[in-house]
Amino acid sequence: MSHGHDIRIRSLQPSDLDFAQEVRKIAGWNQTDADWLRLINYEPDGCFLIECDGGPAGTATTTTYGNKVGWIGMVLVHPDFRRRGLATLLLQHCISYLERRVSCIRLDATPAGREVYQKLGFVDEYRLHRWQRGDGAPENPAVAASLFDGEKAKTLDTEAFGADRSQFLSKLRETATLTIQTDDGSFGFLRSGKNAWYLGPVVSSSNESGVEIIEKLLAKCRDEAIYWDVLEPCQDVRVLAEKLGFTKQRELIRMRRGEALPNERPGRQWAIGAPETG
């Protein structure tokens, strides 16, 4: 545990990016500099760095969507500082920040982390799976100009996600490599990552729109690696992923602390935005 060490938690700053990317790389995660900066800029008071004996030791981020739901993500502790209780301290700090702002706190947990979160009052909601196709990092991550009607997407996305995340989506789209939107407001983003393209979020009102968006986004990727995180309730999407040559790589557990989101429609979420933001 952390006893006997000088521990301090402060706001995560853009100047901490080198350390944040170091622990991200050690974990093998996919986030780019742009992903970290978006989290910091969107929730400047809710992203944290924990210091141990005067040096950076770990990170955690939060993302709020109005007063309904907040997400905890990017909980990473450097191997040199593990087994000192720092991850638990970061989580408790995130919970304290969020419970003053939202009625529901969520996170996407690894099976190994599930027990820790249960001890902090989180309960299981459902599973999600990462699907992968191809190999090799993106070679052409330039942002492509594309039309996107945020107001048209807002109603559909709020119904699917269970909360209004339109402001966050507008920030996310700024660094999306490709955006596709159909006439009914269904939409999808393709983003570059350190290890692979990332497909998501994709929100669709129908199977026809969902398939159209997915196929157009995938056409950009060629043979490079693609990650696609799919909620377990989306059985039609799982079938599509297998048909398109994806294989299941890992399982996460979506967990909740506080009130459930009664109006969420996970079946319309053909791809989540990211494990760190929902």
Protein backbone atom coordinates (compact mmCIF):
# COMPACT_ATOMS: atom_id res chain seq x y z
CA MET A 1 0.00 0.00 0.00
CA SER A 2 0.93 3.68 -0.10
CA HIS A 3 1.81 4.08 3.56
CA GLY A 4 5.21 5.69 4.15
CA HIS A 5 5.29 7.46 0.79
CA ASP A 6 4.65 11.09 -0.09
CA ILE A 7 1.48 10.91 -2.22
CA ARG A 8 -0.15 13.81 -4.06
CA ILE A 9 -2.93 13.92 -6.64
CA ARG A 10 -3.17 16.93 -8.94
CA SER A 11 -4.72 17.86 -12.26
CA LEU A 12 -3.27 16.15 -15.32
CA GLN A 13 -1.71 18.76 -17.61
CA PRO A 14 -0.66 18.78 -21.29
CA SER A 15 2.90 19.00 -19.98
CA ASP A 16 2.40 15.51 -18.49
CA LEU A 17 1.80 14.00 -21.91
CA ASP A 18 5.18 12.24 -22.15
CA PHE A 19 4.52 10.36 -18.91
CA ALA A 20 0.92 9.62 -19.89
CA GLN A 21 2.04 8.14 -23.17
CA GLU A 22 4.76 6.15 -21.41
CA VAL A 23 2.28 4.33 -19.16
CA ARG A 24 -0.15 3.98 -22.07
CA LYS A 25 2.57 2.31 -24.14
CA ILE A 26 3.50 -0.04 -21.29
CA ALA A 27 -0.15 -1.12 -21.06
CA GLY A 28 -0.32 -1.63 -24.84
CA TRP A 29 -3.30 0.71 -25.22
CA ASN A 30 -4.18 2.60 -28.40
CA GLN A 31 -4.63 6.26 -27.42
CA THR A 32 -2.85 9.01 -29.35
CA ASP A 33 -1.65 12.39 -28.09
CA ALA A 34 -4.87 13.85 -29.49
CA ASP A 35 -6.93 11.44 -27.37
CA TRP A 36 -5.15 12.47 -24.17
CA LEU A 37 -5.42 16.17 -24.98
CA ARG A 38 -9.12 15.87 -25.77
CA LEU A 39 -9.75 14.30 -22.38
CA ILE A 40 -7.77 17.01 -20.60
CA ASN A 41 -9.36 19.88 -22.52
CA TYR A 42 -12.91 18.55 -22.21
CA GLU A 43 -12.70 17.84 -18.46
CA PRO A 44 -9.72 19.90 -17.18
CA ASP A 45 -10.70 19.58 -13.52
CA GLY A 46 -11.47 15.86 -13.79
CA CYS A 47 -8.24 14.40 -15.18
CA PHE A 48 -5.63 13.47 -12.61
CA LEU A 49 -2.00 12.57 -12.11
CA ILE A 50 -0.82 10.89 -8.92
CA GLU A 51 2.70 11.64 -7.72
CA CYS A 52 4.67 9.40 -5.42
CA ASP A 53 7.76 10.73 -3.65
CA GLY A 54 7.86 13.72 -5.98
CA GLY A 55 7.59 11.91 -9.32
CA PRO A 56 4.67 11.00 -11.63
CA ALA A 57 3.29 7.56 -10.86
CA GLY A 58 -0.12 7.18 -12.49
CA THR A 59 -3.07 8.72 -14.33
CA ALA A 60 -6.86 8.67 -14.37
CA THR A 61 -9.45 10.60 -16.35
CA THR A 62 -13.15 11.38 -16.08
CA THR A 63 -15.64 12.48 -18.71
CA THR A 64 -19.07 13.89 -17.81
CA TYR A 65 -22.19 14.01 -19.98
CA GLY A 66 -24.47 16.59 -18.42
CA ASN A 67 -25.60 15.59 -14.94
CA LYS A 68 -26.62 12.05 -15.90
CA VAL A 69 -23.48 10.01 -16.32
CA GLY A 70 -19.72 10.28 -15.96
CA TRP A 71 -17.01 7.89 -17.12
CA ILE A 72 -13.76 6.86 -15.45
CA GLY A 73 -10.91 5.91 -17.75
CA MET A 74 -7.17 5.80 -18.34
CA VAL A 75 -6.41 4.40 -14.86
CA LEU A 76 -2.75 3.58 -15.36
CA VAL A 77 0.02 3.16 -12.77
CA HIS A 78 3.65 2.88 -13.78
CA PRO A 79 5.12 -0.57 -12.96
CA ASP A 80 7.67 1.03 -10.63
CA PHE A 81 4.84 2.22 -8.37
CA ARG A 82 2.41 -0.69 -8.39
CA ARG A 83 1.20 -2.54 -5.28
CA ARG A 84 1.13 0.68 -3.27
CA GLY A 85 -2.61 1.28 -3.53
CA LEU A 86 -2.22 4.14 -6.00
CA ALA A 87 -4.83 2.90 -8.47
CA THR A 88 -7.41 2.70 -5.66
CA LEU A 89 -6.53 6.23 -4.54
CA LEU A 90 -6.98 7.48 -8.10
CA LEU A 91 -10.33 5.72 -8.41
CA GLN A 92 -11.55 7.13 -5.12
CA HIS A 93 -10.50 10.59 -6.29
CA CYS A 94 -12.41 10.15 -9.56
CA ILE A 95 -15.50 8.92 -7.70
CA SER A 96 -15.38 11.91 -5.35
CA TYR A 97 -15.15 14.25 -8.34
CA LEU A 98 -17.98 12.59 -10.28
CA GLU A 99 -20.50 11.90 -7.52
CA ARG A 100 -20.89 15.66 -6.99
CA ARG A 101 -21.76 16.08 -10.67
CA VAL A 102 -23.64 13.04 -12.00
CA SER A 103 -26.13 10.44 -10.79
CA CYS A 104 -24.41 7.50 -12.52
CA ILE A 105 -20.71 6.65 -12.75
CA ARG A 106 -19.60 4.10 -15.30
CA LEU A 107 -16.42 2.41 -16.44
CA ASP A 108 -15.36 -0.44 -18.70
CA ALA A 109 -13.34 -2.85 -16.56
CA THR A 110 -10.95 -5.63 -17.44
CA PRO A 111 -11.80 -8.97 -15.79
CA ALA A 112 -8.71 -8.53 -13.59
CA GLY A 113 -9.88 -5.12 -12.36
CA ARG A 114 -13.50 -6.11 -11.76
CA GLU A 115 -12.96 -7.17 -8.14
CA VAL A 116 -11.33 -3.83 -7.28
CA TYR A 117 -14.26 -1.92 -8.73
CA GLN A 118 -16.79 -4.12 -6.92
CA LYS A 119 -15.18 -3.18 -3.61
CA LEU A 120 -15.76 0.48 -4.54
CA GLY A 121 -19.48 -0.07 -5.08
CA PHE A 122 -19.63 -0.83 -8.81
CA VAL A 123 -21.98 -3.49 -10.16
CA ASP A 124 -21.95 -5.33 -13.49
CA GLU A 125 -24.19 -4.12 -16.31
CA TYR A 126 -23.11 -6.15 -19.36
CA ARG A 127 -20.11 -7.35 -21.31
CA LEU A 128 -18.46 -5.79 -24.32
CA HIS A 129 -15.98 -7.35 -26.69
CA ARG A 130 -13.08 -6.03 -28.74
CA TRP A 131 -12.96 -7.33 -32.28
CA GLN A 132 -9.88 -6.96 -34.47
CA ARG A 133 -9.07 -7.35 -38.12
CA GLY A 134 -5.75 -6.85 -39.90
CA ASP A 135 -2.30 -6.04 -38.59
CA GLY A 136 -0.10 -2.95 -38.41
CA ALA A 137 -0.67 0.64 -37.28
CA PRO A 138 -2.45 3.18 -39.53
CA GLU A 139 -0.25 4.65 -42.25
CA ASN A 140 -2.53 7.51 -43.33
CA PRO A 141 -4.04 9.16 -40.24
CA ALA A 142 -4.81 12.53 -41.88
CA VAL A 143 -8.19 14.02 -41.00
CA ALA A 144 -10.56 14.00 -43.98
CA ALA A 145 -13.09 16.78 -44.55
CA SER A 146 -16.63 15.44 -44.25
CA LEU A 147 -20.12 16.76 -43.56
CA PHE A 148 -21.68 16.06 -40.18
CA ASP A 149 -24.96 17.45 -38.87
CA GLY A 150 -24.53 17.38 -35.13
CA GLU A 151 -28.12 18.40 -34.41
CA LYS A 152 -29.47 15.59 -36.58
CA ALA A 153 -27.21 13.10 -34.78
CA LYS A 154 -27.98 14.45 -31.30
CA THR A 155 -31.48 13.03 -30.86
CA LEU A 156 -30.56 9.58 -32.10
CA ASP A 157 -27.33 9.45 -30.08
CA THR A 158 -28.95 10.68 -26.86
CA GLU A 159 -31.61 7.97 -27.16
CA ALA A 160 -28.97 5.30 -27.81
CA PHE A 161 -26.38 6.40 -25.25
CA GLY A 162 -28.84 7.41 -22.54
CA ALA A 163 -27.39 10.91 -22.09
CA ASP A 164 -26.53 13.94 -24.20
CA ARG A 165 -22.90 13.69 -25.31
CA SER A 166 -23.19 16.02 -28.31
CA GLN A 167 -20.51 18.41 -27.05
CA PHE A 168 -18.06 15.57 -26.62
CA LEU A 169 -18.88 14.16 -30.06
CA SER A 170 -18.14 17.51 -31.65
CA LYS A 171 -14.68 17.46 -30.05
CA LEU A 172 -14.16 13.83 -31.02
CA ARG A 173 -15.02 14.52 -34.64
CA GLU A 174 -12.30 17.19 -34.89
CA THR A 175 -9.65 14.45 -34.98
CA ALA A 176 -11.66 11.73 -36.70
CA THR A 177 -10.00 10.52 -39.89
CA LEU A 178 -13.35 9.81 -41.50
CA THR A 179 -16.96 10.61 -40.57
CA ILE A 180 -19.98 9.00 -42.24
CA GLN A 181 -23.58 10.11 -41.70
CA THR A 182 -26.74 8.84 -43.37
CA ASP A 183 -29.95 10.74 -44.10
CA ASP A 184 -31.65 9.44 -40.94
CA GLY A 185 -28.94 10.88 -38.69
CA SER A 186 -27.09 7.60 -38.11
CA PHE A 187 -23.34 8.22 -37.95
CA GLY A 188 -19.92 6.69 -37.42
CA PHE A 189 -16.34 7.85 -36.87
CA LEU A 190 -13.05 6.23 -37.82
CA ARG A 191 -10.01 7.41 -35.85
CA SER A 192 -6.34 6.61 -35.94
CA GLY A 193 -4.57 5.03 -32.96
CA LYS A 194 -1.06 4.12 -31.92
CA ASN A 195 -1.61 0.43 -32.65
CA ALA A 196 -4.68 0.31 -34.90
CA TRP A 197 -7.52 2.21 -36.46
CA TYR A 198 -10.42 2.65 -34.04
CA LEU A 199 -13.96 2.18 -35.33
CA GLY A 200 -16.37 4.18 -33.20
CA PRO A 201 -18.59 5.53 -32.07
CA VAL A 202 -21.18 4.20 -34.52
CA VAL A 203 -24.85 4.83 -33.73
CA SER A 204 -27.54 3.60 -36.09
CA SER A 205 -31.33 3.63 -36.18
CA SER A 206 -31.52 0.61 -38.50
CA ASN A 207 -29.57 -2.40 -39.72
CA GLU A 208 -29.39 -0.89 -43.20
CA SER A 209 -27.80 2.34 -41.98
CA GLY A 210 -25.45 0.49 -39.63
CA VAL A 211 -24.12 -1.82 -42.33
CA GLU A 212 -23.71 1.10 -44.75
CA ILE A 213 -21.71 3.15 -42.25
CA ILE A 214 -19.49 0.27 -41.14
CA GLU A 215 -18.63 -0.77 -44.70
CA LYS A 216 -17.77 2.79 -45.75
CA LEU A 217 -15.56 3.33 -42.70
CA LEU A 218 -13.75 0.00 -43.16
CA ALA A 219 -13.01 0.80 -46.80
CA LYS A 220 -10.54 3.41 -45.52
CA CYS A 221 -8.46 0.89 -43.56
CA ARG A 222 -7.10 -1.52 -46.20
CA ASP A 223 -5.10 -4.28 -44.46
CA GLU A 224 -4.11 -2.27 -41.38
CA ALA A 225 -5.25 -3.27 -37.90
CA ILE A 226 -8.74 -2.15 -36.83
CA TYR A 227 -10.25 -2.27 -33.34
CA TRP A 228 -14.03 -2.45 -32.97
CA ASP A 229 -15.54 -2.50 -29.45
CA VAL A 230 -19.09 -3.89 -29.43
CA LEU A 231 -21.61 -4.12 -26.59
CA GLU A 232 -22.88 -7.64 -25.90
CA PRO A 233 -26.57 -6.71 -26.44
CA CYS A 234 -25.71 -5.92 -30.09
CA GLN A 235 -26.00 -9.48 -31.39
CA ASP A 236 -26.57 -8.40 -35.01
CA VAL A 237 -23.34 -6.41 -34.89
CA ARG A 238 -21.42 -9.42 -33.59
CA VAL A 239 -22.66 -11.46 -36.54
CA LEU A 240 -21.60 -8.67 -38.92
CA ALA A 241 -18.14 -8.46 -37.35
CA GLU A 242 -17.57 -12.18 -37.92
CA LYS A 243 -18.85 -11.89 -41.50
CA LEU A 244 -16.40 -9.04 -42.17
CA GLY A 245 -13.41 -11.08 -40.98
CA PHE A 246 -13.02 -9.77 -37.42
CA THR A 247 -12.00 -12.02 -34.53
CA LYS A 248 -12.77 -11.51 -30.86
CA GLN A 249 -9.69 -10.35 -28.91
CA ARG A 250 -10.76 -9.53 -25.37
CA GLU A 251 -13.70 -8.97 -23.05
CA LEU A 252 -14.49 -6.00 -20.83
CA ILE A 253 -17.25 -5.55 -18.27
CA ARG A 254 -19.30 -2.38 -18.23
CA MET A 255 -19.90 -1.47 -14.58
CA ARG A 256 -22.02 1.15 -12.85
CA ARG A 257 -22.06 2.98 -9.53
CA GLY A 258 -25.27 4.86 -8.77
CA GLU A 259 -28.46 5.07 -10.79
CA ALA A 260 -28.96 3.12 -14.00
CA LEU A 261 -29.71 4.86 -17.29
CA PRO A 262 -33.28 3.63 -17.89
CA ASN A 263 -33.66 5.02 -21.42
CA GLU A 264 -30.38 3.74 -22.88
CA ARG A 265 -30.69 1.68 -26.08
CA PRO A 266 -27.45 -0.29 -26.36
CA GLY A 267 -28.72 -2.14 -29.43
CA ARG A 268 -28.36 1.07 -31.42
CA GLN A 269 -24.71 1.49 -30.42
CA TRP A 270 -22.97 -0.40 -33.20
CA ALA A 271 -19.60 0.64 -31.77
CA ILE A 272 -18.76 2.40 -28.52
CA GLY A 273 -16.79 5.64 -28.47
CA ALA A 274 -13.91 4.16 -26.46
CA PRO A 275 -13.51 2.19 -23.21
CA GLU A 276 -12.29 5.34 -21.44
CA THR A 277 -15.31 7.45 -22.45
CA GLY A 278 -18.16 5.03 -23.18
